[in-house]
């Protein structure tokens, strides 16, 4: 019986890569893909480089740490290159979206005239940091708190003293506003809750008629 040569070579290559401990790069999927997409959507409006979700080492490290944090029922960062969050959600993808939005909301407290580290904005600056070009996402369910634990690993590290001015930049004046609709099934034709997570300074004029009411902390209802 004859076998096609090309598939056999491919399988052997995968086997050798596994022996050497190398991970074949692949596009992030599921919660990983959502994490990369959310980061890049926000980073682009701040003149930042996009992140790459093809680093399996970062993803696995994030997943292990998320599972560990869920087991000890508390948040403990391993380094300054991590963002952590506990989020209530119905699925992993939704949890990652909410975590990224929560981190980004700190942008309203960042003073671009006096760039630097602050506990109030450390998650935002880590998310936006231009020098961080690779991203790993981990998410795990905490049955005690009934919440998801979300971990984002960044490489190279961000929040480095003396380098904030070149790595944390304000939004471009004409950039696409960071407005993200909450996705949910069976909501067609109804009002949807959404967050304006960059504040109101970048809301275009043609969006005004779409907002029926504005609540506290930037939440609004779109008709």
N, C-alpha and C. Protein backbone atom coordinates (compact mmCIF):
# COMPACT_ATOMS: atom_id res chain seq x y z
N UNK A 1 0.85 -1.20 0.00
CA UNK A 1 0.00 0.00 0.00
C UNK A 1 0.88 1.25 0.00
N UNK A 2 0.55 2.19 -0.85
CA UNK A 2 1.33 3.41 -0.94
C UNK A 2 0.65 4.55 -0.18
N UNK A 3 1.46 5.38 0.45
CA UNK A 3 0.96 6.54 1.19
C UNK A 3 1.54 7.80 0.57
N UNK A 4 0.73 8.88 0.52
CA UNK A 4 1.24 10.15 0.00
C UNK A 4 2.43 10.62 0.82
N UNK A 5 3.47 11.09 0.16
CA UNK A 5 4.70 11.49 0.86
C UNK A 5 4.51 12.75 1.68
N UNK A 6 3.79 13.74 1.13
CA UNK A 6 3.66 15.05 1.80
C UNK A 6 3.05 14.95 3.19
N UNK A 7 1.90 14.27 3.38
CA UNK A 7 1.33 14.16 4.72
C UNK A 7 2.27 13.47 5.70
N UNK A 8 3.01 12.45 5.22
CA UNK A 8 3.92 11.74 6.10
C UNK A 8 5.03 12.66 6.59
N UNK A 9 5.57 13.46 5.68
CA UNK A 9 6.62 14.41 6.06
C UNK A 9 6.09 15.41 7.08
N UNK A 10 4.86 15.85 6.87
CA UNK A 10 4.25 16.81 7.80
C UNK A 10 4.09 16.21 9.18
N UNK A 11 3.63 14.96 9.25
CA UNK A 11 3.44 14.30 10.54
C UNK A 11 4.77 14.11 11.25
N UNK A 12 5.80 13.72 10.50
CA UNK A 12 7.13 13.55 11.09
C UNK A 12 7.64 14.87 11.64
N UNK A 13 7.41 15.96 10.90
CA UNK A 13 7.86 17.28 11.34
C UNK A 13 7.18 17.66 12.65
N UNK A 14 5.89 17.39 12.77
CA UNK A 14 5.18 17.68 14.00
C UNK A 14 5.73 16.86 15.16
N UNK A 15 6.03 15.58 14.87
CA UNK A 15 6.56 14.69 15.90
C UNK A 15 7.91 15.18 16.41
N UNK A 16 8.78 15.57 15.49
CA UNK A 16 10.10 16.08 15.87
C UNK A 16 9.98 17.36 16.67
N UNK A 17 9.06 18.22 16.25
CA UNK A 17 8.84 19.48 16.98
C UNK A 17 8.40 19.19 18.39
N UNK A 18 7.54 18.18 18.57
CA UNK A 18 7.08 17.82 19.90
C UNK A 18 8.20 17.30 20.77
N UNK A 19 9.11 16.51 20.17
CA UNK A 19 10.25 15.99 20.92
C UNK A 19 11.15 17.12 21.40
N UNK A 20 11.34 18.12 20.56
CA UNK A 20 12.22 19.23 20.91
C UNK A 20 11.55 20.25 21.80
N UNK A 21 10.29 20.04 22.12
CA UNK A 21 9.60 20.97 22.99
C UNK A 21 9.11 22.21 22.29
N UNK A 22 9.20 22.25 20.96
CA UNK A 22 8.75 23.42 20.22
C UNK A 22 7.25 23.34 19.99
N UNK A 23 6.60 24.48 20.04
CA UNK A 23 5.18 24.55 19.78
C UNK A 23 4.94 25.13 18.40
N UNK A 24 4.18 24.43 17.59
CA UNK A 24 3.86 24.94 16.26
C UNK A 24 2.96 26.15 16.40
N UNK A 25 3.38 27.34 15.92
CA UNK A 25 2.54 28.53 16.06
C UNK A 25 1.18 28.34 15.42
N UNK A 26 0.16 28.78 16.10
CA UNK A 26 -1.18 28.73 15.53
C UNK A 26 -1.96 29.94 16.01
N UNK A 27 -2.96 30.31 15.25
CA UNK A 27 -3.77 31.46 15.60
C UNK A 27 -4.58 31.18 16.85
N UNK A 28 -4.64 32.16 17.74
CA UNK A 28 -5.41 32.00 18.97
C UNK A 28 -6.89 31.81 18.64
N UNK A 29 -7.54 30.96 19.42
CA UNK A 29 -8.97 30.70 19.20
C UNK A 29 -9.72 30.89 20.51
N UNK A 30 -11.05 30.96 20.42
CA UNK A 30 -11.88 31.07 21.61
C UNK A 30 -11.54 32.27 22.46
N UNK A 31 -11.40 32.04 23.77
CA UNK A 31 -11.09 33.12 24.70
C UNK A 31 -9.75 33.77 24.38
N UNK A 32 -8.80 32.98 23.90
CA UNK A 32 -7.51 33.55 23.51
C UNK A 32 -7.69 34.57 22.39
N UNK A 33 -8.43 34.17 21.37
CA UNK A 33 -8.64 35.06 20.22
C UNK A 33 -9.36 36.33 20.65
N UNK A 34 -10.36 36.20 21.51
CA UNK A 34 -11.08 37.36 22.01
C UNK A 34 -10.13 38.30 22.74
N UNK A 35 -9.25 37.74 23.56
CA UNK A 35 -8.29 38.57 24.29
C UNK A 35 -7.38 39.35 23.37
N UNK A 36 -6.85 38.68 22.36
CA UNK A 36 -5.97 39.35 21.39
C UNK A 36 -6.75 40.42 20.62
N UNK A 37 -7.95 40.08 20.18
CA UNK A 37 -8.77 41.01 19.40
C UNK A 37 -9.11 42.26 20.21
N UNK A 38 -9.53 42.06 21.46
CA UNK A 38 -9.89 43.20 22.31
C UNK A 38 -8.68 44.11 22.56
N UNK A 39 -7.54 43.50 22.84
CA UNK A 39 -6.33 44.29 23.07
C UNK A 39 -5.97 45.12 21.84
N UNK A 40 -5.96 44.48 20.69
CA UNK A 40 -5.53 45.17 19.48
C UNK A 40 -6.49 46.27 19.07
N UNK A 41 -7.78 46.06 19.27
CA UNK A 41 -8.77 47.09 18.95
C UNK A 41 -8.49 48.37 19.73
N UNK A 42 -8.14 48.21 21.01
CA UNK A 42 -7.87 49.37 21.85
C UNK A 42 -6.47 49.94 21.59
N UNK A 43 -5.50 49.08 21.40
CA UNK A 43 -4.13 49.53 21.21
C UNK A 43 -3.96 50.34 19.92
N UNK A 44 -4.67 49.96 18.87
CA UNK A 44 -4.55 50.68 17.60
C UNK A 44 -4.96 52.13 17.74
N UNK A 45 -5.97 52.40 18.56
CA UNK A 45 -6.42 53.78 18.72
C UNK A 45 -5.44 54.61 19.54
N UNK A 46 -4.46 53.95 20.16
CA UNK A 46 -3.45 54.65 20.96
C UNK A 46 -2.08 54.59 20.29
N UNK A 47 -2.05 54.41 18.97
CA UNK A 47 -0.81 54.41 18.20
C UNK A 47 0.15 53.32 18.66
N UNK A 48 -0.41 52.20 19.11
CA UNK A 48 0.43 51.12 19.63
C UNK A 48 0.53 49.97 18.64
N UNK A 49 1.57 49.18 18.80
CA UNK A 49 1.74 47.99 17.98
C UNK A 49 0.67 46.98 18.34
N UNK A 50 0.34 46.10 17.41
CA UNK A 50 -0.62 45.04 17.70
C UNK A 50 0.09 43.91 18.42
N UNK A 51 -0.67 43.11 19.15
CA UNK A 51 -0.08 41.98 19.86
C UNK A 51 -0.20 40.73 19.01
N UNK A 52 0.62 39.76 19.31
CA UNK A 52 0.58 38.48 18.61
C UNK A 52 0.09 37.41 19.57
N UNK A 53 -0.87 36.63 19.12
CA UNK A 53 -1.42 35.58 19.97
C UNK A 53 -0.89 34.21 19.64
N UNK A 54 0.31 34.14 19.04
CA UNK A 54 0.85 32.86 18.58
C UNK A 54 1.91 32.29 19.52
N UNK A 55 2.07 32.89 20.69
CA UNK A 55 3.08 32.41 21.64
C UNK A 55 2.44 31.42 22.61
N UNK A 56 2.59 30.14 22.30
CA UNK A 56 1.96 29.10 23.12
C UNK A 56 2.50 29.10 24.55
N UNK A 57 3.75 29.46 24.72
CA UNK A 57 4.33 29.49 26.06
C UNK A 57 3.60 30.50 26.95
N UNK A 58 3.31 31.68 26.41
CA UNK A 58 2.60 32.70 27.18
C UNK A 58 1.18 32.25 27.50
N UNK A 59 0.51 31.65 26.53
CA UNK A 59 -0.85 31.18 26.76
C UNK A 59 -0.89 30.09 27.83
N UNK A 60 0.03 29.14 27.75
CA UNK A 60 0.04 28.05 28.72
C UNK A 60 0.37 28.55 30.11
N UNK A 61 1.33 29.47 30.19
CA UNK A 61 1.68 30.05 31.49
C UNK A 61 0.48 30.80 32.08
N UNK A 62 -0.23 31.54 31.24
CA UNK A 62 -1.42 32.25 31.70
C UNK A 62 -2.50 31.31 32.16
N UNK A 63 -2.69 30.21 31.42
CA UNK A 63 -3.71 29.24 31.80
C UNK A 63 -3.38 28.54 33.11
N UNK A 64 -2.12 28.15 33.28
CA UNK A 64 -1.70 27.51 34.53
C UNK A 64 -1.91 28.45 35.71
N UNK A 65 -1.56 29.72 35.53
CA UNK A 65 -1.70 30.67 36.64
C UNK A 65 -3.16 30.96 36.94
N UNK A 66 -3.99 31.03 35.91
CA UNK A 66 -5.42 31.25 36.12
C UNK A 66 -6.02 30.09 36.92
N UNK A 67 -5.66 28.88 36.56
CA UNK A 67 -6.16 27.71 37.28
C UNK A 67 -5.66 27.68 38.72
N UNK A 68 -4.41 28.09 38.92
CA UNK A 68 -3.85 28.15 40.28
C UNK A 68 -4.59 29.19 41.12
N UNK A 69 -4.82 30.37 40.57
CA UNK A 69 -5.52 31.43 41.31
C UNK A 69 -6.95 31.01 41.64
N UNK A 70 -7.59 30.31 40.74
CA UNK A 70 -8.94 29.83 41.00
C UNK A 70 -8.94 28.83 42.15
N UNK A 71 -7.88 28.04 42.26
CA UNK A 71 -7.80 27.02 43.30
C UNK A 71 -7.52 27.60 44.68
N UNK A 72 -6.77 28.72 44.73
CA UNK A 72 -6.45 29.34 46.03
C UNK A 72 -7.43 30.46 46.37
N UNK A 73 -8.34 30.78 45.46
CA UNK A 73 -9.43 31.74 45.67
C UNK A 73 -8.91 33.13 46.03
N UNK A 74 -7.87 33.57 45.34
CA UNK A 74 -7.39 34.95 45.49
C UNK A 74 -6.49 35.27 44.31
N UNK A 75 -6.26 36.57 44.12
CA UNK A 75 -5.43 37.03 43.00
C UNK A 75 -4.02 37.35 43.49
N UNK A 76 -3.03 36.78 42.84
CA UNK A 76 -1.63 37.06 43.13
C UNK A 76 -0.87 37.11 41.82
N UNK A 77 -0.35 38.29 41.49
CA UNK A 77 0.40 38.44 40.24
C UNK A 77 1.80 37.86 40.40
N UNK A 78 2.29 37.21 39.36
CA UNK A 78 3.64 36.66 39.38
C UNK A 78 4.69 37.72 39.08
N UNK A 79 4.31 38.73 38.30
CA UNK A 79 5.27 39.76 37.92
C UNK A 79 4.52 40.99 37.44
N UNK A 80 5.29 42.02 37.08
CA UNK A 80 4.71 43.25 36.55
C UNK A 80 4.25 43.10 35.11
N UNK A 81 4.46 41.92 34.54
CA UNK A 81 4.07 41.69 33.15
C UNK A 81 2.72 40.99 33.06
N UNK A 82 1.92 41.08 34.11
CA UNK A 82 0.61 40.41 34.15
C UNK A 82 -0.50 41.37 34.49
N UNK A 83 -1.69 41.12 33.91
CA UNK A 83 -2.93 41.72 34.35
C UNK A 83 -3.84 40.60 34.83
N UNK A 84 -4.52 40.84 35.96
CA UNK A 84 -5.41 39.84 36.54
C UNK A 84 -6.79 40.44 36.78
N UNK A 85 -7.80 39.59 36.74
CA UNK A 85 -9.16 40.05 37.03
C UNK A 85 -10.03 38.87 37.43
N UNK A 86 -11.01 39.15 38.28
CA UNK A 86 -12.07 38.20 38.61
C UNK A 86 -13.35 38.77 38.02
N UNK A 87 -14.04 37.98 37.21
CA UNK A 87 -15.17 38.50 36.45
C UNK A 87 -16.33 37.52 36.50
N UNK A 88 -17.53 38.04 36.69
CA UNK A 88 -18.72 37.21 36.55
C UNK A 88 -19.13 37.23 35.08
N UNK A 89 -19.36 36.05 34.53
CA UNK A 89 -19.77 35.94 33.14
C UNK A 89 -20.38 34.56 32.93
N UNK A 90 -21.07 34.39 31.81
CA UNK A 90 -21.70 33.11 31.51
C UNK A 90 -20.79 32.19 30.70
N UNK A 91 -19.71 32.76 30.13
CA UNK A 91 -18.78 31.94 29.35
C UNK A 91 -17.42 32.62 29.33
N UNK A 92 -16.42 31.87 28.95
CA UNK A 92 -15.04 32.36 29.01
C UNK A 92 -14.82 33.58 28.13
N UNK A 93 -15.36 33.57 26.91
CA UNK A 93 -15.14 34.68 25.99
C UNK A 93 -15.68 35.99 26.57
N UNK A 94 -16.85 35.91 27.18
CA UNK A 94 -17.45 37.10 27.79
C UNK A 94 -16.60 37.59 28.96
N UNK A 95 -16.06 36.65 29.75
CA UNK A 95 -15.21 37.01 30.89
C UNK A 95 -13.97 37.77 30.44
N UNK A 96 -13.34 37.30 29.36
CA UNK A 96 -12.14 37.97 28.86
C UNK A 96 -12.47 39.37 28.37
N UNK A 97 -13.57 39.52 27.65
CA UNK A 97 -13.98 40.85 27.18
C UNK A 97 -14.16 41.81 28.36
N UNK A 98 -14.88 41.36 29.37
CA UNK A 98 -15.15 42.22 30.53
C UNK A 98 -13.85 42.60 31.25
N UNK A 99 -12.93 41.66 31.36
CA UNK A 99 -11.67 41.93 32.04
C UNK A 99 -10.88 43.01 31.30
N UNK A 100 -10.77 42.87 29.99
CA UNK A 100 -10.00 43.84 29.20
C UNK A 100 -10.64 45.22 29.30
N UNK A 101 -11.96 45.29 29.25
CA UNK A 101 -12.65 46.59 29.37
C UNK A 101 -12.42 47.22 30.74
N UNK A 102 -12.42 46.38 31.78
CA UNK A 102 -12.20 46.89 33.13
C UNK A 102 -10.81 47.49 33.24
N UNK A 103 -9.81 46.80 32.69
CA UNK A 103 -8.45 47.33 32.73
C UNK A 103 -8.35 48.64 31.96
N UNK A 104 -9.01 48.69 30.82
CA UNK A 104 -8.91 49.89 29.98
C UNK A 104 -9.60 51.10 30.60
N UNK A 105 -10.60 50.88 31.42
CA UNK A 105 -11.32 52.00 32.03
C UNK A 105 -10.42 52.87 32.90
N UNK A 106 -9.29 52.33 33.32
CA UNK A 106 -8.35 53.13 34.12
C UNK A 106 -7.75 54.27 33.30
N UNK A 107 -7.92 54.24 31.99
CA UNK A 107 -7.37 55.28 31.12
C UNK A 107 -7.82 56.67 31.52
N UNK A 108 -9.05 56.77 32.04
CA UNK A 108 -9.59 58.07 32.42
C UNK A 108 -8.82 58.71 33.57
N UNK A 109 -8.03 57.92 34.30
CA UNK A 109 -7.26 58.44 35.44
C UNK A 109 -5.80 58.70 35.08
N UNK A 110 -5.41 58.36 33.87
CA UNK A 110 -4.00 58.51 33.50
C UNK A 110 -3.73 59.94 33.03
N UNK A 111 -2.65 60.52 33.53
CA UNK A 111 -2.27 61.89 33.18
C UNK A 111 -1.12 61.83 32.18
N UNK A 112 -1.43 62.11 30.91
CA UNK A 112 -0.41 62.05 29.87
C UNK A 112 0.60 63.18 29.98
N UNK A 113 0.27 64.22 30.72
CA UNK A 113 1.22 65.32 30.93
C UNK A 113 2.30 64.95 31.93
N UNK A 114 2.01 63.96 32.77
CA UNK A 114 2.97 63.48 33.76
C UNK A 114 3.02 61.94 33.69
N UNK A 115 3.59 61.40 32.62
CA UNK A 115 3.59 59.95 32.43
C UNK A 115 4.39 59.22 33.50
N UNK A 116 3.87 58.08 33.91
CA UNK A 116 4.57 57.28 34.91
C UNK A 116 3.66 56.22 35.50
N UNK A 117 4.24 55.44 36.41
CA UNK A 117 3.50 54.34 37.02
C UNK A 117 2.57 54.84 38.11
N UNK A 118 1.40 54.23 38.18
CA UNK A 118 0.43 54.53 39.23
C UNK A 118 -0.40 53.28 39.49
N UNK A 119 -0.71 53.00 40.74
CA UNK A 119 -1.54 51.85 41.07
C UNK A 119 -2.93 51.97 40.46
N UNK A 120 -3.39 53.21 40.30
CA UNK A 120 -4.73 53.44 39.76
C UNK A 120 -4.80 53.17 38.26
N UNK A 121 -3.66 53.18 37.58
CA UNK A 121 -3.67 53.01 36.11
C UNK A 121 -2.74 51.90 35.62
N UNK A 122 -2.23 51.08 36.52
CA UNK A 122 -1.22 50.09 36.14
C UNK A 122 -1.75 49.04 35.16
N UNK A 123 -3.03 48.68 35.27
CA UNK A 123 -3.59 47.69 34.33
C UNK A 123 -3.74 48.30 32.94
N UNK A 124 -4.17 49.56 32.90
CA UNK A 124 -4.32 50.24 31.62
C UNK A 124 -2.99 50.39 30.92
N UNK A 125 -1.97 50.88 31.63
CA UNK A 125 -0.66 51.10 31.00
C UNK A 125 -0.02 49.79 30.56
N UNK A 126 -0.29 48.73 31.30
CA UNK A 126 0.25 47.42 30.90
C UNK A 126 -0.45 46.92 29.64
N UNK A 127 -1.75 47.16 29.53
CA UNK A 127 -2.53 46.75 28.36
C UNK A 127 -2.09 47.49 27.10
N UNK A 128 -1.81 48.79 27.25
CA UNK A 128 -1.51 49.66 26.11
C UNK A 128 -0.02 49.67 25.75
N UNK A 129 0.84 49.22 26.64
CA UNK A 129 2.29 49.37 26.50
C UNK A 129 2.76 48.98 25.10
N UNK A 130 3.32 49.95 24.39
CA UNK A 130 3.68 49.76 22.99
C UNK A 130 4.76 48.71 22.79
N UNK A 131 5.66 48.60 23.74
CA UNK A 131 6.76 47.65 23.61
C UNK A 131 6.38 46.20 23.84
N UNK A 132 5.20 45.96 24.37
CA UNK A 132 4.73 44.58 24.57
C UNK A 132 4.06 44.10 23.30
N UNK A 133 4.69 43.17 22.62
CA UNK A 133 4.21 42.76 21.31
C UNK A 133 3.61 41.36 21.29
N UNK A 134 3.71 40.63 22.41
CA UNK A 134 3.14 39.29 22.49
C UNK A 134 2.22 39.19 23.70
N UNK A 135 1.16 38.42 23.53
CA UNK A 135 0.12 38.33 24.56
C UNK A 135 -0.30 36.88 24.76
N UNK A 136 -0.46 36.50 26.03
CA UNK A 136 -0.97 35.17 26.37
C UNK A 136 -2.16 35.30 27.30
N UNK A 137 -3.22 34.55 27.04
CA UNK A 137 -4.46 34.65 27.81
C UNK A 137 -4.75 33.33 28.53
N UNK A 138 -5.14 33.43 29.79
CA UNK A 138 -5.58 32.27 30.55
C UNK A 138 -6.88 32.59 31.25
N UNK A 139 -7.78 31.62 31.34
CA UNK A 139 -9.06 31.84 32.01
C UNK A 139 -9.49 30.55 32.69
N UNK A 140 -9.97 30.67 33.93
CA UNK A 140 -10.39 29.50 34.70
C UNK A 140 -11.58 29.85 35.57
N UNK A 141 -12.41 28.87 35.85
CA UNK A 141 -13.62 29.06 36.65
C UNK A 141 -13.32 28.84 38.12
N UNK A 142 -13.74 29.79 38.95
CA UNK A 142 -13.61 29.67 40.41
C UNK A 142 -14.97 29.26 40.97
N UNK A 143 -15.15 27.99 41.35
CA UNK A 143 -16.46 27.52 41.82
C UNK A 143 -16.86 28.08 43.17
N UNK A 144 -15.89 28.57 43.93
CA UNK A 144 -16.19 29.13 45.25
C UNK A 144 -16.85 30.50 45.11
N UNK A 145 -16.19 31.38 44.34
CA UNK A 145 -16.73 32.73 44.12
C UNK A 145 -17.72 32.77 42.96
N UNK A 146 -17.77 31.67 42.20
CA UNK A 146 -18.63 31.60 41.02
C UNK A 146 -18.30 32.74 40.04
N UNK A 147 -17.01 32.87 39.80
CA UNK A 147 -16.49 33.86 38.87
C UNK A 147 -15.36 33.25 38.05
N UNK A 148 -15.07 33.89 36.92
CA UNK A 148 -13.92 33.49 36.12
C UNK A 148 -12.70 34.29 36.57
N UNK A 149 -11.55 33.64 36.56
CA UNK A 149 -10.27 34.32 36.75
C UNK A 149 -9.64 34.49 35.38
N UNK A 150 -9.27 35.73 35.05
CA UNK A 150 -8.67 36.03 33.75
C UNK A 150 -7.24 36.53 33.96
N UNK A 151 -6.32 35.94 33.21
CA UNK A 151 -4.91 36.32 33.28
C UNK A 151 -4.44 36.73 31.90
N UNK A 152 -3.73 37.85 31.83
CA UNK A 152 -3.09 38.29 30.58
C UNK A 152 -1.60 38.43 30.84
N UNK A 153 -0.80 37.70 30.08
CA UNK A 153 0.66 37.79 30.16
C UNK A 153 1.19 38.61 28.99
N UNK A 154 2.10 39.54 29.27
CA UNK A 154 2.65 40.41 28.23
C UNK A 154 4.16 40.20 28.10
N UNK A 155 4.63 40.25 26.86
CA UNK A 155 6.05 40.09 26.59
C UNK A 155 6.43 40.94 25.38
N UNK A 156 7.49 41.73 25.49
CA UNK A 156 8.31 42.02 26.67
C UNK A 156 7.51 42.75 27.76
N UNK A 157 8.10 42.81 28.94
CA UNK A 157 7.44 43.44 30.08
C UNK A 157 7.13 44.90 29.81
N UNK A 158 6.07 45.38 30.46
CA UNK A 158 5.71 46.80 30.38
C UNK A 158 5.86 47.46 31.74
N UNK A 159 5.32 48.67 31.83
CA UNK A 159 5.37 49.45 33.07
C UNK A 159 6.80 49.61 33.59
N UNK A 160 7.69 49.96 32.70
CA UNK A 160 9.10 50.14 33.05
C UNK A 160 9.37 51.61 33.36
N UNK A 161 9.97 51.86 34.51
CA UNK A 161 10.26 53.22 34.95
C UNK A 161 11.09 53.97 33.91
N UNK A 162 10.67 55.20 33.62
CA UNK A 162 11.41 56.05 32.69
C UNK A 162 11.05 55.85 31.22
N UNK A 163 10.14 54.89 30.92
CA UNK A 163 9.81 54.61 29.53
C UNK A 163 8.32 54.78 29.21
N UNK A 164 7.60 55.38 30.13
CA UNK A 164 6.16 55.55 29.91
C UNK A 164 5.85 56.51 28.78
N UNK A 165 6.66 57.54 28.63
CA UNK A 165 6.37 58.55 27.63
C UNK A 165 6.34 57.98 26.21
N UNK A 166 7.19 57.01 25.93
CA UNK A 166 7.29 56.42 24.59
C UNK A 166 6.39 55.21 24.41
N UNK A 167 5.82 54.70 25.49
CA UNK A 167 5.05 53.47 25.39
C UNK A 167 3.57 53.61 25.73
N UNK A 168 3.18 54.69 26.35
CA UNK A 168 1.77 54.93 26.68
C UNK A 168 1.36 56.25 26.06
N UNK A 169 0.62 56.16 24.96
CA UNK A 169 0.28 57.35 24.20
C UNK A 169 -1.22 57.59 24.22
N UNK A 170 -1.64 58.86 24.12
CA UNK A 170 -3.09 59.15 24.10
C UNK A 170 -3.72 58.69 22.80
N UNK A 171 -5.03 58.65 22.79
CA UNK A 171 -5.75 58.25 21.59
C UNK A 171 -5.51 59.23 20.45
N UNK A 172 -5.46 58.69 19.25
CA UNK A 172 -5.44 59.55 18.08
C UNK A 172 -6.75 60.32 18.01
N UNK A 173 -6.69 61.55 17.62
CA UNK A 173 -7.88 62.40 17.64
C UNK A 173 -9.00 61.85 16.75
N UNK A 174 -8.63 61.30 15.61
CA UNK A 174 -9.63 60.79 14.67
C UNK A 174 -9.69 59.26 14.66
N UNK A 175 -9.20 58.65 15.73
CA UNK A 175 -9.20 57.19 15.78
C UNK A 175 -10.61 56.65 15.98
N UNK A 176 -10.80 55.41 15.57
CA UNK A 176 -12.07 54.75 15.81
C UNK A 176 -12.32 54.67 17.30
N UNK A 177 -13.43 55.15 17.79
CA UNK A 177 -13.67 55.18 19.24
C UNK A 177 -13.75 53.78 19.83
N UNK A 178 -13.20 53.59 21.02
CA UNK A 178 -13.23 52.28 21.65
C UNK A 178 -14.60 51.97 22.23
N UNK A 179 -15.56 51.73 21.38
CA UNK A 179 -16.92 51.40 21.80
C UNK A 179 -17.19 49.96 21.38
N UNK A 180 -17.49 49.11 22.33
CA UNK A 180 -17.64 47.70 22.05
C UNK A 180 -19.02 47.23 22.49
N UNK A 181 -19.78 46.65 21.57
CA UNK A 181 -21.10 46.13 21.91
C UNK A 181 -20.96 44.80 22.65
N UNK A 182 -21.82 44.60 23.62
CA UNK A 182 -21.86 43.33 24.32
C UNK A 182 -22.62 42.33 23.46
N UNK A 183 -21.98 41.19 23.21
CA UNK A 183 -22.60 40.18 22.36
C UNK A 183 -23.46 39.24 23.19
N UNK A 184 -24.66 38.98 22.73
CA UNK A 184 -25.54 38.05 23.42
C UNK A 184 -26.56 37.50 22.44
N UNK A 185 -26.92 36.26 22.61
CA UNK A 185 -27.89 35.66 21.72
C UNK A 185 -29.30 36.12 22.06
N UNK A 186 -30.17 36.10 21.06
CA UNK A 186 -31.60 36.39 21.23
C UNK A 186 -31.88 37.81 21.70
N UNK A 187 -31.01 38.76 21.35
CA UNK A 187 -31.22 40.15 21.75
C UNK A 187 -31.57 41.02 20.54
N UNK A 188 -31.77 40.42 19.39
CA UNK A 188 -32.03 41.19 18.19
C UNK A 188 -33.33 41.98 18.32
N UNK A 189 -33.27 43.25 17.98
CA UNK A 189 -34.45 44.09 18.04
C UNK A 189 -34.71 44.70 19.40
N UNK A 190 -33.85 44.41 20.38
CA UNK A 190 -34.04 44.95 21.72
C UNK A 190 -32.92 45.93 22.05
N UNK A 191 -33.09 46.65 23.14
CA UNK A 191 -32.04 47.56 23.57
C UNK A 191 -30.88 46.75 24.14
N UNK A 192 -29.66 47.17 23.84
CA UNK A 192 -28.48 46.46 24.30
C UNK A 192 -27.68 47.33 25.25
N UNK A 193 -27.21 46.74 26.35
CA UNK A 193 -26.31 47.46 27.24
C UNK A 193 -24.91 47.45 26.65
N UNK A 194 -24.22 48.56 26.74
CA UNK A 194 -22.86 48.63 26.24
C UNK A 194 -22.07 49.60 27.10
N UNK A 195 -20.77 49.54 27.02
CA UNK A 195 -19.89 50.43 27.76
C UNK A 195 -19.13 51.33 26.81
N UNK A 196 -19.05 52.61 27.14
CA UNK A 196 -18.14 53.51 26.44
C UNK A 196 -16.89 53.54 27.30
N UNK A 197 -15.92 52.70 26.96
CA UNK A 197 -14.83 52.45 27.88
C UNK A 197 -13.65 53.40 27.72
N UNK A 198 -13.77 54.38 26.85
CA UNK A 198 -12.70 55.37 26.73
C UNK A 198 -13.12 56.73 27.25
N UNK A 199 -14.25 56.77 27.97
CA UNK A 199 -14.80 58.05 28.37
C UNK A 199 -15.56 58.64 27.20
N UNK A 200 -16.03 59.86 27.33
CA UNK A 200 -16.86 60.47 26.31
C UNK A 200 -16.09 61.43 25.42
N UNK A 201 -14.78 61.53 25.60
CA UNK A 201 -14.02 62.52 24.86
C UNK A 201 -13.87 62.18 23.39
N UNK A 202 -14.11 60.93 23.02
CA UNK A 202 -13.88 60.53 21.64
C UNK A 202 -15.16 60.02 20.97
N UNK A 203 -16.30 60.45 21.48
CA UNK A 203 -17.58 60.01 20.94
C UNK A 203 -17.94 60.85 19.71
N UNK A 204 -18.08 60.24 18.55
CA UNK A 204 -18.38 61.00 17.32
C UNK A 204 -19.79 61.57 17.34
N UNK A 205 -20.00 62.64 16.58
CA UNK A 205 -21.29 63.33 16.58
C UNK A 205 -22.44 62.44 16.14
N UNK A 206 -22.18 61.55 15.18
CA UNK A 206 -23.27 60.75 14.66
C UNK A 206 -23.72 59.64 15.61
N UNK A 207 -23.06 59.55 16.78
CA UNK A 207 -23.50 58.57 17.77
C UNK A 207 -24.48 59.18 18.77
N UNK A 208 -24.56 60.50 18.82
CA UNK A 208 -25.36 61.17 19.84
C UNK A 208 -26.81 60.72 19.79
N UNK A 209 -27.40 60.64 18.58
CA UNK A 209 -28.80 60.29 18.46
C UNK A 209 -29.07 58.82 18.81
N UNK A 210 -28.01 58.03 18.92
CA UNK A 210 -28.18 56.62 19.23
C UNK A 210 -28.23 56.35 20.74
N UNK A 211 -27.85 57.34 21.51
CA UNK A 211 -27.83 57.16 22.96
C UNK A 211 -29.13 57.67 23.55
N UNK A 212 -29.89 56.77 24.16
CA UNK A 212 -31.18 57.16 24.73
C UNK A 212 -31.05 57.60 26.18
N UNK A 213 -30.05 57.08 26.87
CA UNK A 213 -29.83 57.52 28.24
C UNK A 213 -28.41 57.17 28.67
N UNK A 214 -27.87 57.97 29.55
CA UNK A 214 -26.52 57.75 30.04
C UNK A 214 -26.56 57.55 31.54
N UNK A 215 -25.92 56.49 32.00
CA UNK A 215 -25.92 56.18 33.42
C UNK A 215 -24.55 56.49 34.03
N UNK A 216 -24.39 56.11 35.27
CA UNK A 216 -23.15 56.37 35.98
C UNK A 216 -22.04 55.47 35.41
N UNK A 217 -20.80 55.93 35.51
CA UNK A 217 -19.61 55.18 35.11
C UNK A 217 -19.57 54.86 33.62
N UNK A 218 -20.17 55.72 32.81
CA UNK A 218 -20.03 55.59 31.38
C UNK A 218 -20.91 54.53 30.74
N UNK A 219 -21.83 53.93 31.48
CA UNK A 219 -22.71 52.94 30.88
C UNK A 219 -23.87 53.65 30.19
N UNK A 220 -24.29 53.13 29.08
CA UNK A 220 -25.40 53.75 28.36
C UNK A 220 -26.22 52.68 27.66
N UNK A 221 -27.41 53.05 27.28
CA UNK A 221 -28.31 52.15 26.55
C UNK A 221 -28.44 52.65 25.13
N UNK A 222 -28.20 51.77 24.18
CA UNK A 222 -28.27 52.15 22.78
C UNK A 222 -29.55 51.57 22.18
N UNK A 223 -30.32 52.43 21.52
CA UNK A 223 -31.57 52.00 20.91
C UNK A 223 -31.29 51.28 19.61
